[in-house]
């Protein structure tokens, strides 16, 4: 909020800070900061809560967590695990199982 106060040369009341914190406090700090900078770069007036939220949500959509790919496990590693569980020779078990495919 100090950044906004400096950028728009205005005094921000504690009540206004409380409203903005209540409405935007759940946003990640980095998304909020980027939203503030983006707003200051593009607008001449102090932002409304909804404007900062929309900008922050756009940041989150653009930079948010990506879908993680499941770990890749080789067939051989899985078969080794099966052989250990079954208590059989790993190499023989793997060889036999791979012949079936």
Protein backbone atom coordinates (compact mmCIF):
# COMPACT_ATOMS: atom_id res chain seq x y z
CA UNK A 1 0.00 0.00 0.00
CA UNK A 2 2.96 2.31 0.58
CA UNK A 3 3.91 1.81 -3.07
CA UNK A 4 0.44 2.92 -4.14
CA UNK A 5 0.53 5.88 -1.77
CA UNK A 6 3.84 7.03 -3.24
CA UNK A 7 2.83 6.39 -6.85
CA UNK A 8 -0.44 8.30 -6.57
CA UNK A 9 0.81 10.92 -4.09
CA UNK A 10 -1.98 10.32 -1.61
CA UNK A 11 -2.43 9.46 2.03
CA UNK A 12 -4.06 6.11 2.69
CA UNK A 13 -6.20 5.85 5.81
CA UNK A 14 -5.95 2.91 8.15
CA UNK A 15 -9.59 2.11 7.31
CA UNK A 16 -8.76 1.89 3.62
CA UNK A 17 -5.77 -0.35 4.37
CA UNK A 18 -8.06 -2.58 6.45
CA UNK A 19 -10.57 -2.92 3.61
CA UNK A 20 -7.88 -3.72 1.03
CA UNK A 21 -6.23 -6.21 3.40
CA UNK A 22 -9.57 -7.88 4.16
CA UNK A 23 -10.41 -8.17 0.47
CA UNK A 24 -6.98 -8.98 -0.96
CA UNK A 25 -5.09 -10.55 1.93
CA UNK A 26 -5.59 -14.06 0.59
CA UNK A 27 -3.64 -13.34 -2.61
CA UNK A 28 -0.02 -14.49 -2.89
CA UNK A 29 2.32 -11.59 -2.12
CA UNK A 30 4.10 -11.87 -5.45
CA UNK A 31 0.84 -11.77 -7.43
CA UNK A 32 -0.39 -8.78 -5.43
CA UNK A 33 2.89 -6.91 -5.91
CA UNK A 34 2.91 -7.57 -9.63
CA UNK A 35 -0.72 -6.44 -9.87
CA UNK A 36 0.10 -3.18 -8.08
CA UNK A 37 3.03 -2.45 -10.39
CA UNK A 38 0.95 -3.29 -13.48
CA UNK A 39 -1.83 -0.97 -12.34
CA UNK A 40 0.56 1.90 -11.61
CA UNK A 41 2.13 1.47 -15.05
CA UNK A 42 -1.22 1.64 -16.85
CA UNK A 43 -3.55 3.86 -14.80
CA UNK A 44 -3.65 7.41 -13.51
CA UNK A 45 -5.96 6.83 -10.57
CA UNK A 46 -5.76 4.81 -7.37
CA UNK A 47 -6.95 1.23 -7.97
CA UNK A 48 -10.20 -0.19 -6.69
CA UNK A 49 -10.10 -3.50 -4.85
CA UNK A 50 -11.70 -5.29 -7.82
CA UNK A 51 -9.07 -3.93 -10.22
CA UNK A 52 -6.20 -5.24 -8.14
CA UNK A 53 -7.94 -8.60 -7.66
CA UNK A 54 -8.47 -8.98 -11.42
CA UNK A 55 -4.85 -8.12 -12.16
CA UNK A 56 -3.57 -10.46 -9.45
CA UNK A 57 -5.77 -13.30 -10.71
CA UNK A 58 -4.36 -12.77 -14.20
CA UNK A 59 -0.85 -13.06 -12.74
CA UNK A 60 -1.81 -16.25 -10.92
CA UNK A 61 -3.29 -17.77 -14.08
CA UNK A 62 -0.18 -16.86 -16.05
CA UNK A 63 2.44 -17.88 -13.51
CA UNK A 64 0.56 -20.22 -11.18
CA UNK A 65 1.42 -23.80 -10.50
CA UNK A 66 1.65 -25.95 -13.56
CA UNK A 67 0.14 -29.39 -13.72
CA UNK A 68 2.77 -31.81 -12.58
CA UNK A 69 3.44 -34.87 -14.65
CA UNK A 70 3.35 -38.12 -12.72
CA UNK A 71 6.75 -39.62 -12.08
CA UNK A 72 7.91 -41.99 -14.75
CA UNK A 73 8.93 -45.41 -13.54
CA UNK A 74 10.54 -47.91 -15.85
CA UNK A 75 8.93 -51.27 -16.38
CA UNK A 76 12.12 -52.89 -15.17
CA UNK A 77 12.01 -50.98 -11.88
CA UNK A 78 8.41 -52.05 -11.30
CA UNK A 79 9.26 -55.67 -12.08
CA UNK A 80 12.25 -55.55 -9.71
CA UNK A 81 9.91 -54.40 -6.97
CA UNK A 82 7.49 -57.23 -7.76
CA UNK A 83 10.34 -59.78 -7.68
CA UNK A 84 11.49 -58.54 -4.28
CA UNK A 85 7.97 -58.73 -2.89
CA UNK A 86 7.56 -62.25 -4.27
CA UNK A 87 11.01 -63.27 -3.03
CA UNK A 88 12.17 -64.55 -6.41
CA UNK A 89 15.32 -63.94 -8.45
CA UNK A 90 15.00 -60.45 -9.95
CA UNK A 91 16.79 -61.11 -13.23
CA UNK A 92 14.87 -64.31 -13.97
CA UNK A 93 11.56 -62.70 -13.04
CA UNK A 94 12.20 -59.65 -15.23
CA UNK A 95 13.31 -61.81 -18.13
CA UNK A 96 10.23 -64.02 -17.84
CA UNK A 97 7.81 -61.11 -17.52
CA UNK A 98 9.30 -59.21 -20.46
CA UNK A 99 8.96 -62.30 -22.68
CA UNK A 100 5.20 -62.19 -22.09
CA UNK A 101 4.89 -58.75 -23.68
